[in-house]
Every structure is written in structure tokens, then in C-alpha cells.
């Protein structure tokens, strides 16, 4: 999964750079496909990869977590 995300990231950035550097009729399409690839494919895959197998409750601000933070700050 990590290599797939890396390959898609490089492909999207390459598409954007090619669209900016070259002077052809398809410049805007290269840039557009690169941006769409980043924001609709690469970033969601990266977010899923980083957040799988983690408890969301550990990152939520609940009464228990507030007490843990207060205890940590006092020490």
C-alpha cells in the first residue's frame, strides 16, 4: 500500500510539472489530472493507510481524556 501511494503521488506531481513546463494543447488537462489524482486518490489512500488500526476514541476530547491530560500536566 505504501509503494502504491508513493507511485501515485509521484505520478500526480509529474503530471502537474509536465503541465506547467510544456507548451501544448493539453497543459491544463495534465495539471487537472494531477490535482484530481492528489486530492481524490492519493490523499484519501494516505489517510486510510495512516489511520487504520487506530482507535478514534483516543483522539476525541472526552472526560476521561481530559483527566488523563490534566494528570500528565501535573506530573
C-alpha atoms as a PDB file:
ATOM      1  CA  UNK A   1       0.000   0.000   0.000  1.00  0.00           C
ATOM      2  CA  UNK A   2       2.843   2.358   0.862  1.00  0.00           C
ATOM      3  CA  UNK A   3       4.525   1.891  -2.517  1.00  0.00           C
ATOM      4  CA  UNK A   4       1.222   2.335  -4.354  1.00  0.00           C
ATOM      5  CA  UNK A   5       0.620   5.637  -2.587  1.00  0.00           C
ATOM      6  CA  UNK A   6       4.167   6.734  -3.352  1.00  0.00           C
ATOM      7  CA  UNK A   7       3.845   5.827  -7.051  1.00  0.00           C
ATOM      8  CA  UNK A   8       0.516   7.653  -7.390  1.00  0.00           C
ATOM      9  CA  UNK A   9       1.951  10.691  -5.607  1.00  0.00           C
ATOM     10  CA  UNK A  10       4.943  10.850  -7.937  1.00  0.00           C
ATOM     11  CA  UNK A  11       2.706  10.331 -10.984  1.00  0.00           C
ATOM     12  CA  UNK A  12       0.410  13.180  -9.912  1.00  0.00           C
ATOM     13  CA  UNK A  13       3.290  15.550  -9.248  1.00  0.00           C
ATOM     14  CA  UNK A  14       4.874  14.591 -12.562  1.00  0.00           C
ATOM     15  CA  UNK A  15       1.618  15.324 -14.353  1.00  0.00           C
ATOM     16  CA  UNK A  16       1.397  18.746 -12.733  1.00  0.00           C
ATOM     17  CA  UNK A  17       5.022  19.590 -13.560  1.00  0.00           C
ATOM     18  CA  UNK A  18       4.624  18.432 -17.161  1.00  0.00           C
ATOM     19  CA  UNK A  19       1.516  20.594 -17.480  1.00  0.00           C
ATOM     20  CA  UNK A  20       3.325  23.652 -16.153  1.00  0.00           C
ATOM     21  CA  UNK A  21       6.559  23.204 -18.110  1.00  0.00           C
ATOM     22  CA  UNK A  22       5.361  22.178 -21.563  1.00  0.00           C
ATOM     23  CA  UNK A  23       3.525  24.318 -24.083  1.00  0.00           C
ATOM     24  CA  UNK A  24       0.916  22.088 -25.664  1.00  0.00           C
ATOM     25  CA  UNK A  25      -2.842  21.958 -26.001  1.00  0.00           C
ATOM     26  CA  UNK A  26      -3.146  19.527 -23.089  1.00  0.00           C
ATOM     27  CA  UNK A  27      -1.375  21.634 -20.424  1.00  0.00           C
ATOM     28  CA  UNK A  28      -4.498  22.339 -18.410  1.00  0.00           C
ATOM     29  CA  UNK A  29      -5.607  18.712 -18.581  1.00  0.00           C
ATOM     30  CA  UNK A  30      -2.249  17.473 -17.257  1.00  0.00           C
ATOM     31  CA  UNK A  31      -2.464  19.904 -14.349  1.00  0.00           C
ATOM     32  CA  UNK A  32      -6.108  18.998 -13.725  1.00  0.00           C
ATOM     33  CA  UNK A  33      -5.474  15.249 -13.734  1.00  0.00           C
ATOM     34  CA  UNK A  34      -2.543  15.753 -11.377  1.00  0.00           C
ATOM     35  CA  UNK A  35      -4.629  17.766  -8.919  1.00  0.00           C
ATOM     36  CA  UNK A  36      -7.549  15.332  -9.105  1.00  0.00           C
ATOM     37  CA  UNK A  37      -5.148  12.441  -8.589  1.00  0.00           C
ATOM     38  CA  UNK A  38      -3.701  14.079  -5.491  1.00  0.00           C
ATOM     39  CA  UNK A  39      -6.910  15.139  -3.813  1.00  0.00           C
ATOM     40  CA  UNK A  40      -9.283  12.349  -4.799  1.00  0.00           C
ATOM     41  CA  UNK A  41      -6.949   9.354  -4.873  1.00  0.00           C
ATOM     42  CA  UNK A  42      -3.623   9.920  -3.085  1.00  0.00           C
ATOM     43  CA  UNK A  43      -4.763  11.860  -0.004  1.00  0.00           C
ATOM     44  CA  UNK A  44      -7.686   9.549   0.861  1.00  0.00           C
ATOM     45  CA  UNK A  45      -5.481   6.459   0.404  1.00  0.00           C
ATOM     46  CA  UNK A  46      -2.788   8.037   2.562  1.00  0.00           C
ATOM     47  CA  UNK A  47      -5.327   8.950   5.259  1.00  0.00           C
ATOM     48  CA  UNK A  48      -6.744   5.434   5.281  1.00  0.00           C
ATOM     49  CA  UNK A  49      -3.263   3.906   5.422  1.00  0.00           C
ATOM     50  CA  UNK A  50      -2.208   6.103   8.368  1.00  0.00           C
ATOM     51  CA  UNK A  51      -5.439   5.773  10.379  1.00  0.00           C
ATOM     52  CA  UNK A  52      -6.248   2.056  10.030  1.00  0.00           C
ATOM     53  CA  UNK A  53      -5.996   0.015  13.227  1.00  0.00           C
ATOM     54  CA  UNK A  54      -6.203   3.102  15.439  1.00  0.00           C
ATOM     55  CA  UNK A  55      -8.888   3.943  17.950  1.00  0.00           C
ATOM     56  CA  UNK A  56     -10.688   7.171  17.164  1.00  0.00           C
ATOM     57  CA  UNK A  57     -11.723   7.448  20.805  1.00  0.00           C
ATOM     58  CA  UNK A  58      -8.076   8.052  21.733  1.00  0.00           C
ATOM     59  CA  UNK A  59      -8.152  11.281  19.719  1.00  0.00           C
ATOM     60  CA  UNK A  60     -11.569  12.536  20.863  1.00  0.00           C
ATOM     61  CA  UNK A  61     -11.919  15.044  23.671  1.00  0.00           C
ATOM     62  CA  UNK A  62     -13.825  13.081  26.287  1.00  0.00           C
ATOM     63  CA  UNK A  63     -13.961  13.477  30.047  1.00  0.00           C
ATOM     64  CA  UNK A  64     -11.550  10.568  30.513  1.00  0.00           C
ATOM     65  CA  UNK A  65      -9.028  12.035  28.080  1.00  0.00           C
ATOM     66  CA  UNK A  66      -9.256  15.450  29.740  1.00  0.00           C
ATOM     67  CA  UNK A  67      -8.490  13.804  33.092  1.00  0.00           C
ATOM     68  CA  UNK A  68      -5.501  11.998  31.529  1.00  0.00           C
ATOM     69  CA  UNK A  69      -4.179  15.301  30.141  1.00  0.00           C
ATOM     70  CA  UNK A  70      -4.603  17.038  33.499  1.00  0.00           C
ATOM     71  CA  UNK A  71      -2.811  14.204  35.256  1.00  0.00           C
ATOM     72  CA  UNK A  72       0.019  14.333  32.704  1.00  0.00           C
ATOM     73  CA  UNK A  73       0.401  18.120  33.095  1.00  0.00           C
ATOM     74  CA  UNK A  74       0.618  17.872  36.885  1.00  0.00           C
ATOM     75  CA  UNK A  75       3.483  15.377  36.771  1.00  0.00           C
END
